[in-house]
Amino acid sequence: MESDQIFFTLLSCVFFMGLVGWISYQKTKGSVDDKDGYFLAGRGLTGIFIAGSMLLTNLSAEQLIGLNGSAYGYNMSAMAWEVTAGFATIVMAILLLPRYLAGAFTTLPGFLKNRFDDDVRRLTVILFMVGYGLVTIPSILYSGSVAVLRLFDVPSLLNINYEPALYLTVLAVGSIGSIYAVFGGLKAVVVSDTINGIGLLIIGLLVPTLGLIVLGDGSFVEGLTIVATTETHKLNAVGSATDPVPFGTIFTGMIFANLFYWGTNQYVIQRTLGAASLAEGQKGVLLSGYFKLLVPFMMMIPGIIAFHLYSNSGQELLSIDLAYPQLVKDVLPLYLSGFFLAVLLGAVFSSFNSLLNSAATLFVLDVYQPLVKSELSDAQLIKVAKIASVVIALFSFMVAPLLQYAPEGLWQIIRIFTGFYNIPVIAVVLVGLFTQRVPALGAKIAIIFHVFAYALLKFVLDVELNFIHIYAVLFFIEVGIMLLVGHFRPTTTDWTYDNEAKVSLVPWRYAYPASFVLLAGIALSYVLFSPVGLVDGLSDSFWYYVGAIILTTVVACRLALKRYDSQRNV
């Protein structure tokens, strides 16, 4: 019977994934033969595809596993990484994206070469490639493989130990995921992401719904009541000093970490660089911010449901990272198992192939092409990109299983190690964009300083300061270094921003109103998951906070629309 269930799951999974692949193929036929087509989807992406791809690129098994695990083991403080990202999407849409599109850049290091010099470009490429190869890509493969292992009990199925089963699953998942990136380019990635994103939203809301029904012995309302009234400290997003994300970090290093991810991280911003216009790019970026508001309900509430089902009943899991896979196994009906597996793998493939595509783009355009003396054709560049994708994929296959030895859980270990490259990149980009006389020397010193300083503070001295606060401290030091160098050794001429835009730069009329509503959503999320809200029962002040936020947002939106219309009529 069990083998029949597995066969049905695999068959339905293959059907759904095959459908996604066929649609992606039909949408990309003949569109990846030149450089812009392969790396930037022909600069023709609309808002919905940008948002769908950014969502799936960002939300993968690492969130499904890691965030639910954090909620299971601690509370909802880790939602800060997701919810507050909305602020970063606003900065990207309003401030950064117009400048990127005006310069018609294909990669972020390409912008840094324009602003500083080739050496700064090379240093940032090294940071990205090492970060992607050692942390980001392996973590995505590992988290997806753990979920598949748990869902199918692969070690028992194949009669092998856990570790070789993990290596085998990583190889299988990674090999299939590589196909989209290697052969389809960015457009195939974006189309498949959008379709899989719809599936992720369905599954993401379905699992907690079914979990609450099981928790309430068949009653959704009873399950919801248990979560809302029992051990409500689990619902607290206002983290203490001992929680994974202390509340104060939201206003320090978290700001810059999110700005890096949504504003400068190559594999995220690449689809915005392929926008059909500034307006479409802004729509896509801001819509992805709205999707992030759903993350607590999709990727943390299930972890709390798992806590009530397992921990409170004495069925403690071996690892907090097993909370979501175990819940899915217990609550999801058989006829949906294939769909879930397809969505899970789709999320993994999305992030994985996006990273491969972006890593290959960085290597080809910012490493290989500058080193080759002769002019290369688009076909030659694409061929090298495909080879680079395969090599990077094979390396990640070897690194991914090693993450099983992470003592603090997957989510925390990822956030810690991204600290090596996220802060110096955002610091250099912001200084580069908003100053005119800071030389390349300042950026080089800041980058090299950060790598050694972060390693020293986090791993050698082990200072009693949350690593997110360390982010902020180093950011301001590095900005200060660059400004000091710019003061004492300024460039001889002011850097000017040349407009070489290949698409319309007319902004979206509703960019600012949509931004204000998004900020309101962030504020309301924290009011809801706080001692003012659900943690201690809804207080009288809860409704005052809600009313004040809504009123302020309405006024701000009306003023923004009036300002836009008056500027366009001038």
Protein backbone atom coordinates (compact mmCIF):
# COMPACT_ATOMS: atom_id res chain seq x y z
CA MET A 1 0.00 0.00 0.00
CA GLU A 2 2.81 2.35 0.93
CA SER A 3 4.53 1.77 -2.41
CA ASP A 4 1.24 2.56 -4.19
CA GLN A 5 0.99 5.83 -2.28
CA ILE A 6 4.54 6.77 -3.19
CA PHE A 7 3.90 5.90 -6.83
CA PHE A 8 0.76 8.06 -6.89
CA THR A 9 2.59 10.96 -5.25
CA LEU A 10 5.48 10.78 -7.68
CA LEU A 11 3.21 10.41 -10.70
CA SER A 12 1.04 13.42 -9.81
CA CYS A 13 4.19 15.41 -8.97
CA VAL A 14 5.76 14.60 -12.33
CA PHE A 15 2.53 15.56 -14.10
CA PHE A 16 2.35 18.99 -12.45
CA MET A 17 6.07 19.70 -12.91
CA GLY A 18 5.85 18.55 -16.51
CA LEU A 19 2.98 20.96 -17.07
CA VAL A 20 5.03 23.83 -15.60
CA GLY A 21 7.99 22.86 -17.77
CA TRP A 22 5.87 22.69 -20.93
CA ILE A 23 4.33 26.13 -20.30
CA SER A 24 7.79 27.58 -19.60
CA TYR A 25 9.10 26.07 -22.84
CA GLN A 26 6.23 27.50 -24.86
CA LYS A 27 6.79 30.95 -23.35
CA THR A 28 10.55 30.96 -23.98
CA LYS A 29 10.87 29.32 -27.41
CA GLY A 30 13.22 31.39 -29.53
CA SER A 31 13.75 34.05 -26.85
CA VAL A 32 17.07 32.95 -25.33
CA ASP A 33 19.31 33.10 -28.39
CA ASP A 34 20.91 36.44 -27.57
CA LYS A 35 22.55 37.92 -24.47
CA ASP A 36 19.65 40.09 -23.33
CA GLY A 37 17.21 37.25 -23.96
CA TYR A 38 19.19 34.72 -21.89
CA PHE A 39 20.30 36.96 -19.01
CA LEU A 40 17.44 39.53 -18.82
CA ALA A 41 14.47 37.85 -20.51
CA GLY A 42 14.69 40.37 -23.37
CA ARG A 43 13.92 43.28 -21.02
CA GLY A 44 10.24 42.51 -21.39
CA LEU A 45 9.07 41.32 -17.95
CA THR A 46 5.77 42.63 -16.61
CA GLY A 47 4.90 43.31 -12.99
CA ILE A 48 3.10 40.03 -12.28
CA PHE A 49 5.99 37.91 -13.60
CA ILE A 50 8.55 40.00 -11.70
CA ALA A 51 6.56 39.64 -8.47
CA GLY A 52 5.96 35.93 -8.97
CA SER A 53 9.60 35.25 -9.66
CA MET A 54 10.87 37.41 -6.81
CA LEU A 55 8.47 35.63 -4.46
CA LEU A 56 9.55 32.14 -5.49
CA THR A 57 13.21 33.14 -5.64
CA ASN A 58 12.95 34.37 -2.08
CA LEU A 59 10.57 31.81 -0.57
CA SER A 60 11.94 28.33 -0.79
CA ALA A 61 12.23 25.23 1.34
CA GLU A 62 14.68 27.10 3.54
CA GLN A 63 11.77 29.34 4.66
CA LEU A 64 9.25 26.51 4.86
CA ILE A 65 11.67 24.46 6.95
CA GLY A 66 13.68 27.17 8.70
CA LEU A 67 10.97 29.66 9.72
CA ASN A 68 8.53 26.99 10.87
CA GLY A 69 11.38 25.39 12.78
CA SER A 70 12.16 28.72 14.44
CA ALA A 71 8.49 29.18 15.42
CA TYR A 72 8.38 25.64 16.77
CA GLY A 73 11.51 26.07 18.87
CA TYR A 74 11.15 29.72 19.88
CA ASN A 75 8.41 32.15 18.80
CA MET A 76 7.50 34.37 15.84
CA SER A 77 10.37 36.84 16.22
CA ALA A 78 12.04 35.45 13.08
CA MET A 79 9.15 36.80 10.99
CA ALA A 80 11.08 40.09 11.04
CA TRP A 81 13.26 38.78 8.21
CA GLU A 82 10.19 38.46 6.02
CA VAL A 83 7.67 41.11 7.10
CA THR A 84 10.11 44.01 7.41
CA ALA A 85 11.46 43.17 3.96
CA GLY A 86 8.51 45.25 2.71
CA PHE A 87 10.44 48.39 3.67
CA ALA A 88 13.39 47.25 1.55
CA THR A 89 11.13 46.59 -1.45
CA ILE A 90 9.89 50.17 -1.16
CA VAL A 91 13.44 51.55 -1.19
CA MET A 92 14.22 49.34 -4.17
CA ALA A 93 11.13 50.43 -6.12
CA ILE A 94 11.33 54.16 -5.37
CA LEU A 95 15.07 54.90 -5.09
CA LEU A 96 17.24 52.15 -6.56
CA LEU A 97 15.33 50.68 -9.50
CA PRO A 98 15.04 53.99 -11.44
CA ARG A 99 18.83 54.33 -11.28
CA TYR A 100 19.50 50.71 -12.29
CA LEU A 101 17.17 50.91 -15.30
CA ALA A 102 18.53 54.31 -16.32
CA GLY A 103 21.99 52.78 -16.55
CA ALA A 104 20.69 49.68 -18.41
CA PHE A 105 22.83 47.44 -16.19
CA THR A 106 22.78 43.65 -16.49
CA THR A 107 24.55 43.00 -13.19
CA LEU A 108 25.15 44.92 -9.99
CA PRO A 109 28.94 44.58 -10.32
CA GLY A 110 28.48 46.17 -13.74
CA PHE A 111 27.08 49.25 -11.99
CA LEU A 112 29.99 49.25 -9.52
CA LYS A 113 32.47 49.19 -12.38
CA ASN A 114 30.69 52.21 -13.86
CA ARG A 115 30.75 54.00 -10.51
CA PHE A 116 34.18 52.94 -9.22
CA ASP A 117 36.50 50.65 -11.20
CA ASP A 118 37.17 47.06 -12.29
CA ASP A 119 38.79 46.08 -8.99
CA VAL A 120 35.65 46.96 -7.01
CA ARG A 121 33.63 44.95 -9.50
CA ARG A 122 35.94 41.94 -9.04
CA LEU A 123 35.77 42.14 -5.24
CA THR A 124 31.96 42.18 -5.25
CA VAL A 125 31.84 39.30 -7.72
CA ILE A 126 34.09 37.28 -5.40
CA LEU A 127 31.80 38.06 -2.45
CA PHE A 128 28.71 37.02 -4.40
CA MET A 129 30.24 33.85 -5.87
CA VAL A 130 31.65 32.64 -2.54
CA GLY A 131 28.40 33.48 -0.72
CA TYR A 132 26.25 31.77 -3.33
CA GLY A 133 28.51 28.72 -3.60
CA LEU A 134 29.17 28.09 0.10
CA VAL A 135 25.94 29.27 1.73
CA THR A 136 22.92 30.20 -0.34
CA ILE A 137 22.74 27.49 -3.02
CA PRO A 138 23.70 24.62 -0.67
CA SER A 139 21.15 25.74 1.95
CA ILE A 140 18.35 25.67 -0.62
CA LEU A 141 19.31 22.19 -1.78
CA TYR A 142 19.69 20.92 1.78
CA SER A 143 16.33 22.24 3.03
CA GLY A 144 14.45 20.87 0.03
CA SER A 145 16.14 17.50 0.37
CA VAL A 146 15.32 17.26 4.09
CA ALA A 147 11.64 17.83 3.31
CA VAL A 148 11.64 15.15 0.61
CA LEU A 149 13.49 12.73 2.90
CA ARG A 150 10.92 13.22 5.66
CA LEU A 151 7.92 13.05 3.36
CA PHE A 152 8.94 9.76 1.73
CA ASP A 153 11.15 8.30 4.45
CA VAL A 154 13.84 7.78 1.80
CA PRO A 155 16.32 5.93 4.07
CA SER A 156 13.76 3.20 4.82
CA LEU A 157 12.49 3.17 1.25
CA LEU A 158 15.96 2.53 -0.16
CA ASN A 159 17.22 0.62 2.90
CA ILE A 160 20.21 2.92 3.38
CA ASN A 161 21.44 5.16 6.19
CA TYR A 162 20.32 8.78 6.56
CA GLU A 163 23.53 10.43 5.31
CA PRO A 164 23.86 8.58 1.97
CA ALA A 165 20.10 9.07 1.46
CA LEU A 166 20.60 12.81 1.97
CA TYR A 167 23.47 12.92 -0.57
CA LEU A 168 21.37 10.97 -3.07
CA THR A 169 18.36 13.27 -2.62
CA VAL A 170 20.51 16.40 -2.96
CA LEU A 171 21.94 15.03 -6.21
CA ALA A 172 18.49 14.20 -7.61
CA VAL A 173 16.86 17.50 -6.63
CA GLY A 174 19.83 19.58 -7.76
CA SER A 175 20.19 17.83 -11.11
CA ILE A 176 16.57 18.39 -12.08
CA GLY A 177 16.63 21.99 -10.83
CA SER A 178 19.67 22.78 -12.96
CA ILE A 179 17.85 22.09 -16.22
CA TYR A 180 15.70 25.25 -16.14
CA ALA A 181 18.64 27.55 -15.51
CA VAL A 182 21.07 25.92 -17.91
CA PHE A 183 18.80 25.63 -20.93
CA GLY A 184 16.06 28.21 -20.40
CA GLY A 185 17.79 31.35 -19.17
CA LEU A 186 16.07 33.96 -17.03
CA LYS A 187 12.73 33.92 -18.85
CA ALA A 188 12.22 30.20 -18.23
CA VAL A 189 13.09 30.78 -14.60
CA VAL A 190 10.61 33.65 -14.30
CA VAL A 191 7.71 31.85 -16.01
CA SER A 192 8.14 28.67 -13.96
CA ASP A 193 8.53 30.75 -10.80
CA THR A 194 5.22 32.52 -11.35
CA ILE A 195 3.28 29.29 -11.90
CA ASN A 196 4.93 27.60 -8.92
CA GLY A 197 4.27 30.74 -6.87
CA ILE A 198 0.53 30.26 -7.28
CA GLY A 199 0.96 26.69 -6.06
CA LEU A 200 3.04 27.85 -3.09
CA LEU A 201 0.35 30.30 -2.01
CA ILE A 202 -2.28 27.54 -2.18
CA ILE A 203 -0.22 25.01 -0.23
CA GLY A 204 1.10 27.67 2.14
CA LEU A 205 -2.43 28.56 3.27
CA LEU A 206 -3.80 25.01 3.05
CA VAL A 207 -1.31 23.36 5.44
CA PRO A 208 -2.06 25.63 8.44
CA THR A 209 -5.79 25.31 7.70
CA LEU A 210 -5.63 21.51 7.79
CA GLY A 211 -3.27 21.65 10.76
CA LEU A 212 -5.78 23.71 12.75
CA ILE A 213 -8.55 21.23 11.88
CA VAL A 214 -6.42 18.33 13.15
CA LEU A 215 -5.42 20.29 16.28
CA GLY A 216 -9.10 21.03 16.98
CA ASP A 217 -10.14 17.37 16.52
CA GLY A 218 -11.98 18.18 13.33
CA SER A 219 -12.90 21.78 14.14
CA PHE A 220 -11.00 24.63 12.49
CA VAL A 221 -12.41 27.13 15.00
CA GLU A 222 -11.39 24.98 17.97
CA GLY A 223 -7.86 24.61 16.60
CA LEU A 224 -7.62 28.35 16.04
CA THR A 225 -8.86 28.92 19.60
CA ILE A 226 -6.14 26.64 20.99
CA VAL A 227 -3.40 28.52 19.13
CA ALA A 228 -4.83 31.94 20.08
CA THR A 229 -5.39 31.18 23.77
CA THR A 230 -2.87 28.49 24.78
CA GLU A 231 0.83 29.24 25.32
CA THR A 232 0.38 32.49 23.44
CA HIS A 233 4.00 33.45 24.05
CA LYS A 234 4.66 31.46 20.86
CA LEU A 235 2.76 34.16 18.91
CA ASN A 236 5.06 36.95 20.07
CA ALA A 237 6.96 38.64 17.24
CA VAL A 238 8.51 41.18 19.61
CA GLY A 239 11.64 39.19 20.31
CA SER A 240 13.68 39.41 23.51
CA ALA A 241 17.46 39.36 23.74
CA THR A 242 17.43 35.54 23.89
CA ASP A 243 15.18 35.05 20.86
CA PRO A 244 16.49 34.45 17.31
CA VAL A 245 15.61 38.03 16.34
CA PRO A 246 15.56 40.57 19.20
CA PHE A 247 13.08 43.34 18.44
CA GLY A 248 15.72 46.07 18.52
CA THR A 249 17.59 44.48 15.62
CA ILE A 250 14.70 45.42 13.29
CA PHE A 251 15.87 49.03 13.51
CA THR A 252 19.59 48.31 13.18
CA GLY A 253 21.25 45.60 11.09
CA MET A 254 18.02 44.10 9.80
CA ILE A 255 17.35 47.22 7.74
CA PHE A 256 20.64 46.89 5.89
CA ALA A 257 20.43 43.12 5.52
CA ASN A 258 17.04 43.45 3.85
CA LEU A 259 18.21 46.38 1.73
CA PHE A 260 21.06 44.21 0.49
CA TYR A 261 18.77 41.33 -0.35
CA TRP A 262 16.01 43.26 -2.11
CA GLY A 263 18.09 46.09 -3.52
CA THR A 264 21.50 44.71 -4.45
CA ASN A 265 21.44 40.88 -4.37
CA GLN A 266 22.07 39.86 -7.97
CA TYR A 267 19.85 36.80 -8.07
CA VAL A 268 16.90 38.79 -6.71
CA ILE A 269 17.23 42.06 -8.61
CA GLN A 270 18.09 40.41 -11.93
CA ARG A 271 14.43 39.99 -12.83
CA THR A 272 13.81 43.69 -12.07
CA LEU A 273 16.66 44.63 -14.41
CA GLY A 274 14.69 42.80 -17.10
CA ALA A 275 11.52 44.90 -16.50
CA ALA A 276 9.62 46.14 -19.56
CA SER A 277 9.45 49.61 -17.95
CA LEU A 278 10.05 51.35 -14.65
CA ALA A 279 6.32 51.23 -13.89
CA GLU A 280 6.19 47.44 -14.42
CA GLY A 281 9.31 46.99 -12.32
CA GLN A 282 7.81 49.03 -9.47
CA LYS A 283 4.57 47.05 -9.63
CA GLY A 284 6.47 43.77 -9.42
CA VAL A 285 8.80 44.79 -6.59
CA LEU A 286 6.02 46.27 -4.42
CA LEU A 287 3.68 43.33 -5.05
CA SER A 288 6.40 40.99 -3.80
CA GLY A 289 6.47 43.09 -0.61
CA TYR A 290 2.74 42.47 -0.14
CA PHE A 291 3.26 38.74 -0.53
CA LYS A 292 5.81 38.89 2.29
CA LEU A 293 3.02 39.93 4.68
CA LEU A 294 1.50 36.46 4.22
CA VAL A 295 4.68 34.68 5.33
CA PRO A 296 3.85 34.58 9.08
CA PHE A 297 0.61 32.77 8.32
CA MET A 298 2.11 30.42 5.72
CA MET A 299 5.53 29.70 7.21
CA MET A 300 5.37 30.28 10.98
CA ILE A 301 1.86 29.46 12.17
CA PRO A 302 2.32 25.84 10.95
CA GLY A 303 5.40 25.63 13.22
CA ILE A 304 3.29 26.76 16.18
CA ILE A 305 0.58 24.24 15.27
CA ALA A 306 3.30 21.57 15.19
CA PHE A 307 4.41 22.72 18.66
CA HIS A 308 0.91 22.15 20.05
CA LEU A 309 0.58 18.79 18.29
CA TYR A 310 3.98 17.31 19.13
CA SER A 311 5.87 19.14 21.84
CA ASN A 312 2.89 19.63 24.14
CA SER A 313 1.88 16.00 23.75
CA GLY A 314 5.32 14.65 24.56
CA GLN A 315 6.24 13.78 20.94
CA GLU A 316 9.27 16.07 20.80
CA LEU A 317 10.91 16.08 17.37
CA LEU A 318 14.59 15.26 16.94
CA SER A 319 15.23 18.66 15.33
CA ILE A 320 13.22 21.88 15.10
CA ASP A 321 13.79 21.78 11.34
CA LEU A 322 11.57 18.67 11.16
CA ALA A 323 8.46 20.51 12.41
CA TYR A 324 7.02 21.43 8.99
CA PRO A 325 7.85 18.19 7.14
CA GLN A 326 6.28 16.15 9.97
CA LEU A 327 3.15 18.34 10.03
CA VAL A 328 2.71 18.02 6.27
CA LYS A 329 3.12 14.26 6.47
CA ASP A 330 0.44 14.03 9.17
CA VAL A 331 -2.23 16.45 7.88
CA LEU A 332 -2.02 16.53 4.09
CA PRO A 333 -4.33 14.02 2.33
CA LEU A 334 -2.83 11.56 -0.11
CA TYR A 335 -4.44 13.07 -3.19
CA LEU A 336 -2.62 16.37 -2.51
CA SER A 337 0.77 14.84 -1.72
CA GLY A 338 1.96 14.98 -5.32
CA PHE A 339 0.85 18.59 -5.69
CA PHE A 340 2.65 19.48 -2.45
CA LEU A 341 5.83 17.75 -3.58
CA ALA A 342 5.65 19.55 -6.93
CA VAL A 343 5.20 22.91 -5.18
CA LEU A 344 7.99 22.15 -2.71
CA LEU A 345 10.37 21.13 -5.47
CA GLY A 346 9.19 24.07 -7.55
CA ALA A 347 10.12 26.44 -4.72
CA VAL A 348 13.48 24.73 -4.35
CA PHE A 349 14.10 24.73 -8.09
CA SER A 350 13.05 28.36 -8.33
CA SER A 351 15.59 29.62 -5.85
CA PHE A 352 18.20 27.14 -7.02
CA ASN A 353 17.93 27.91 -10.72
CA SER A 354 17.68 31.65 -10.08
CA LEU A 355 20.93 31.47 -8.17
CA LEU A 356 22.58 29.38 -10.86
CA ASN A 357 21.42 31.78 -13.57
CA SER A 358 22.66 34.81 -11.64
CA ALA A 359 25.96 33.20 -10.64
CA ALA A 360 26.56 32.27 -14.28
CA THR A 361 25.61 35.80 -15.35
CA LEU A 362 28.10 37.28 -12.88
CA PHE A 363 30.85 34.91 -13.99
CA VAL A 364 30.35 35.43 -17.72
CA LEU A 365 29.78 39.19 -17.80
CA ASP A 366 31.97 40.30 -14.88
CA VAL A 367 34.79 37.72 -14.83
CA TYR A 368 35.11 35.81 -18.11
CA GLN A 369 34.29 38.53 -20.65
CA PRO A 370 36.65 41.19 -19.15
CA LEU A 371 39.50 38.62 -19.11
CA VAL A 372 39.09 37.64 -22.76
CA LYS A 373 40.77 40.06 -25.08
CA SER A 374 38.69 39.37 -28.19
CA GLU A 375 35.03 40.28 -28.64
CA LEU A 376 32.72 37.35 -27.90
CA SER A 377 29.47 36.61 -29.67
CA ASP A 378 26.21 36.16 -27.74
CA ALA A 379 26.26 32.44 -28.58
CA GLN A 380 29.75 32.08 -27.07
CA LEU A 381 28.72 33.91 -23.89
CA ILE A 382 25.64 31.74 -23.47
CA LYS A 383 27.72 28.57 -23.96
CA VAL A 384 30.16 29.65 -21.24
CA ALA A 385 27.23 30.54 -18.96
CA LYS A 386 25.81 27.02 -19.33
CA ILE A 387 29.17 25.44 -18.50
CA ALA A 388 29.56 27.73 -15.47
CA SER A 389 26.07 26.79 -14.26
CA VAL A 390 26.95 23.08 -14.37
CA VAL A 391 30.24 23.57 -12.47
CA ILE A 392 28.58 25.70 -9.75
CA ALA A 393 25.77 23.15 -9.43
CA LEU A 394 28.21 20.25 -8.98
CA PHE A 395 30.09 22.16 -6.27
CA SER A 396 26.86 22.90 -4.39
CA PHE A 397 25.97 19.17 -4.46
CA MET A 398 29.06 18.49 -2.35
CA VAL A 399 28.55 21.33 0.14
CA ALA A 400 24.78 21.03 0.79
CA PRO A 401 24.79 17.84 2.94
CA LEU A 402 27.32 19.39 5.31
CA LEU A 403 24.61 21.76 6.60
CA GLN A 404 23.08 18.87 8.57
CA TYR A 405 25.74 19.57 11.19
CA ALA A 406 24.55 23.16 11.83
CA PRO A 407 23.84 23.33 15.59
CA GLU A 408 21.51 26.38 15.63
CA GLY A 409 19.13 25.29 12.92
CA LEU A 410 19.22 26.03 9.23
CA TRP A 411 17.65 29.47 9.30
CA GLN A 412 20.05 30.93 11.84
CA ILE A 413 23.20 29.54 10.24
CA ILE A 414 22.24 31.01 6.85
CA ARG A 415 21.65 34.47 8.30
CA ILE A 416 24.95 34.39 10.20
CA PHE A 417 27.12 33.49 7.21
CA THR A 418 25.46 35.87 4.76
CA GLY A 419 26.88 38.57 7.03
CA PHE A 420 30.22 38.11 5.29
CA TYR A 421 28.99 39.71 2.08
CA ASN A 422 25.63 41.45 2.49
CA ILE A 423 26.71 44.51 4.49
CA PRO A 424 29.79 45.58 2.48
CA VAL A 425 27.83 45.31 -0.77
CA ILE A 426 24.91 47.49 0.38
CA ALA A 427 27.33 49.99 1.97
CA VAL A 428 29.35 50.34 -1.24
CA VAL A 429 26.23 50.62 -3.42
CA LEU A 430 24.56 53.29 -1.29
CA VAL A 431 27.71 55.39 -1.02
CA GLY A 432 28.30 54.93 -4.73
CA LEU A 433 24.78 56.07 -5.64
CA PHE A 434 24.51 59.07 -3.34
CA THR A 435 28.01 60.56 -3.45
CA GLN A 436 30.06 61.93 -6.35
CA ARG A 437 33.67 62.17 -5.13
CA VAL A 438 34.26 58.95 -3.13
CA PRO A 439 36.99 57.02 -5.01
CA ALA A 440 37.32 53.31 -5.68
CA LEU A 441 39.99 53.09 -2.96
CA GLY A 442 37.36 53.76 -0.28
CA ALA A 443 35.15 50.91 -1.52
CA LYS A 444 38.08 48.47 -1.65
CA ILE A 445 39.18 49.28 1.91
CA ALA A 446 35.60 48.94 3.20
CA ILE A 447 35.08 45.51 1.57
CA ILE A 448 38.36 44.03 2.80
CA PHE A 449 37.87 45.56 6.28
CA HIS A 450 34.41 44.02 6.60
CA VAL A 451 35.42 40.44 5.83
CA PHE A 452 38.15 40.43 8.49
CA ALA A 453 36.21 42.50 11.06
CA TYR A 454 33.06 40.35 10.83
CA ALA A 455 35.04 37.12 11.14
CA LEU A 456 36.91 38.54 14.15
CA LEU A 457 33.81 39.84 15.95
CA LYS A 458 31.58 36.82 15.29
CA PHE A 459 33.89 33.84 15.37
CA VAL A 460 37.13 34.80 17.16
CA LEU A 461 36.24 37.31 19.88
CA ASP A 462 32.62 36.05 20.09
CA VAL A 463 31.38 39.41 21.40
CA GLU A 464 28.16 39.54 23.42
CA LEU A 465 26.25 41.28 20.69
CA ASN A 466 23.65 39.80 18.36
CA PHE A 467 25.08 39.31 14.88
CA ILE A 468 22.34 41.53 13.43
CA HIS A 469 23.53 44.43 15.59
CA ILE A 470 27.05 43.66 14.35
CA TYR A 471 25.68 44.17 10.83
CA ALA A 472 24.66 47.75 11.72
CA VAL A 473 27.89 48.60 13.54
CA LEU A 474 30.01 47.47 10.61
CA PHE A 475 27.76 49.20 8.08
CA PHE A 476 28.23 52.60 9.68
CA ILE A 477 31.97 52.04 10.14
CA GLU A 478 32.35 51.10 6.48
CA VAL A 479 30.29 54.05 5.27
CA GLY A 480 32.47 56.24 7.49
CA ILE A 481 35.64 54.74 5.98
CA MET A 482 34.47 55.51 2.45
CA LEU A 483 33.40 59.05 3.31
CA LEU A 484 36.75 59.73 5.03
CA VAL A 485 38.66 58.45 2.01
CA GLY A 486 36.43 60.59 -0.18
CA HIS A 487 37.20 63.62 1.99
CA PHE A 488 41.00 63.23 2.03
CA ARG A 489 41.49 61.65 -1.43
CA PRO A 490 38.49 62.65 -3.55
CA THR A 491 38.22 61.93 -7.25
CA THR A 492 39.32 64.73 -9.54
CA THR A 493 35.88 64.96 -11.16
CA ASP A 494 32.34 64.39 -9.94
CA TRP A 495 30.77 61.09 -10.91
CA THR A 496 27.65 61.64 -12.97
CA TYR A 497 24.89 59.24 -13.75
CA ASP A 498 24.53 58.74 -17.50
CA ASN A 499 21.02 57.90 -18.70
CA GLU A 500 21.29 54.97 -21.09
CA ALA A 501 17.84 53.53 -20.43
CA LYS A 502 16.47 50.94 -22.87
CA VAL A 503 12.95 51.07 -21.37
CA SER A 504 10.50 53.80 -20.29
CA LEU A 505 11.39 55.47 -16.99
CA VAL A 506 7.94 56.92 -16.32
CA PRO A 507 7.09 55.87 -12.73
CA TRP A 508 3.93 54.03 -11.70
CA ARG A 509 1.20 56.44 -10.54
CA TYR A 510 0.38 54.32 -7.51
CA ALA A 511 3.97 53.59 -6.43
CA TYR A 512 3.84 55.85 -3.38
CA PRO A 513 0.26 54.94 -2.28
CA ALA A 514 1.12 51.25 -2.62
CA SER A 515 4.25 51.87 -0.52
CA PHE A 516 2.26 53.56 2.26
CA VAL A 517 -0.28 50.71 2.37
CA LEU A 518 2.60 48.22 2.53
CA LEU A 519 4.15 50.08 5.48
CA ALA A 520 0.75 49.99 7.18
CA GLY A 521 0.61 46.23 6.65
CA ILE A 522 4.02 45.83 8.31
CA ALA A 523 2.92 47.90 11.31
CA LEU A 524 -0.39 46.01 11.65
CA SER A 525 1.45 42.66 11.54
CA TYR A 526 3.53 43.67 14.53
CA VAL A 527 0.55 45.05 16.42
CA LEU A 528 -1.29 41.74 15.87
CA PHE A 529 1.61 39.49 16.97
CA SER A 530 2.57 41.44 20.09
CA PRO A 531 1.52 41.79 23.76
CA VAL A 532 -0.90 44.47 22.55
CA GLY A 533 -2.47 41.91 20.21
CA LEU A 534 -2.78 38.15 20.40
CA VAL A 535 0.00 37.41 22.91
CA ASP A 536 -1.93 38.65 25.96
CA GLY A 537 -5.35 38.78 24.34
CA LEU A 538 -6.56 41.75 22.29
CA SER A 539 -6.27 44.83 24.49
CA ASP A 540 -8.34 48.01 24.21
CA SER A 541 -5.30 49.83 22.83
CA PHE A 542 -5.10 47.29 19.97
CA TRP A 543 -8.00 48.95 18.15
CA TYR A 544 -6.58 52.44 18.74
CA TYR A 545 -3.32 51.36 17.08
CA VAL A 546 -5.22 49.83 14.16
CA GLY A 547 -7.36 52.95 13.69
CA ALA A 548 -4.38 55.31 13.85
CA ILE A 549 -2.43 53.28 11.30
CA ILE A 550 -5.34 53.13 8.84
CA LEU A 551 -6.15 56.86 9.16
CA THR A 552 -2.50 57.87 8.66
CA THR A 553 -2.24 55.63 5.60
CA VAL A 554 -5.39 57.04 3.95
CA VAL A 555 -4.15 60.62 4.38
CA ALA A 556 -0.66 59.76 3.06
CA CYS A 557 -2.10 58.01 -0.02
CA ARG A 558 -4.32 60.97 -0.93
CA LEU A 559 -1.42 63.40 -0.62
CA ALA A 560 0.85 61.14 -2.71
CA LEU A 561 -1.67 60.94 -5.57
CA LYS A 562 -2.18 64.71 -5.56
CA ARG A 563 1.60 65.24 -5.69
CA TYR A 564 2.04 62.78 -8.58
CA ASP A 565 -0.77 64.31 -10.64
CA SER A 566 0.50 67.85 -10.09
CA GLN A 567 4.04 66.86 -11.17
CA ARG A 568 2.81 65.12 -14.31
CA ASN A 569 0.69 68.16 -15.27
CA VAL A 570 3.58 70.60 -14.91
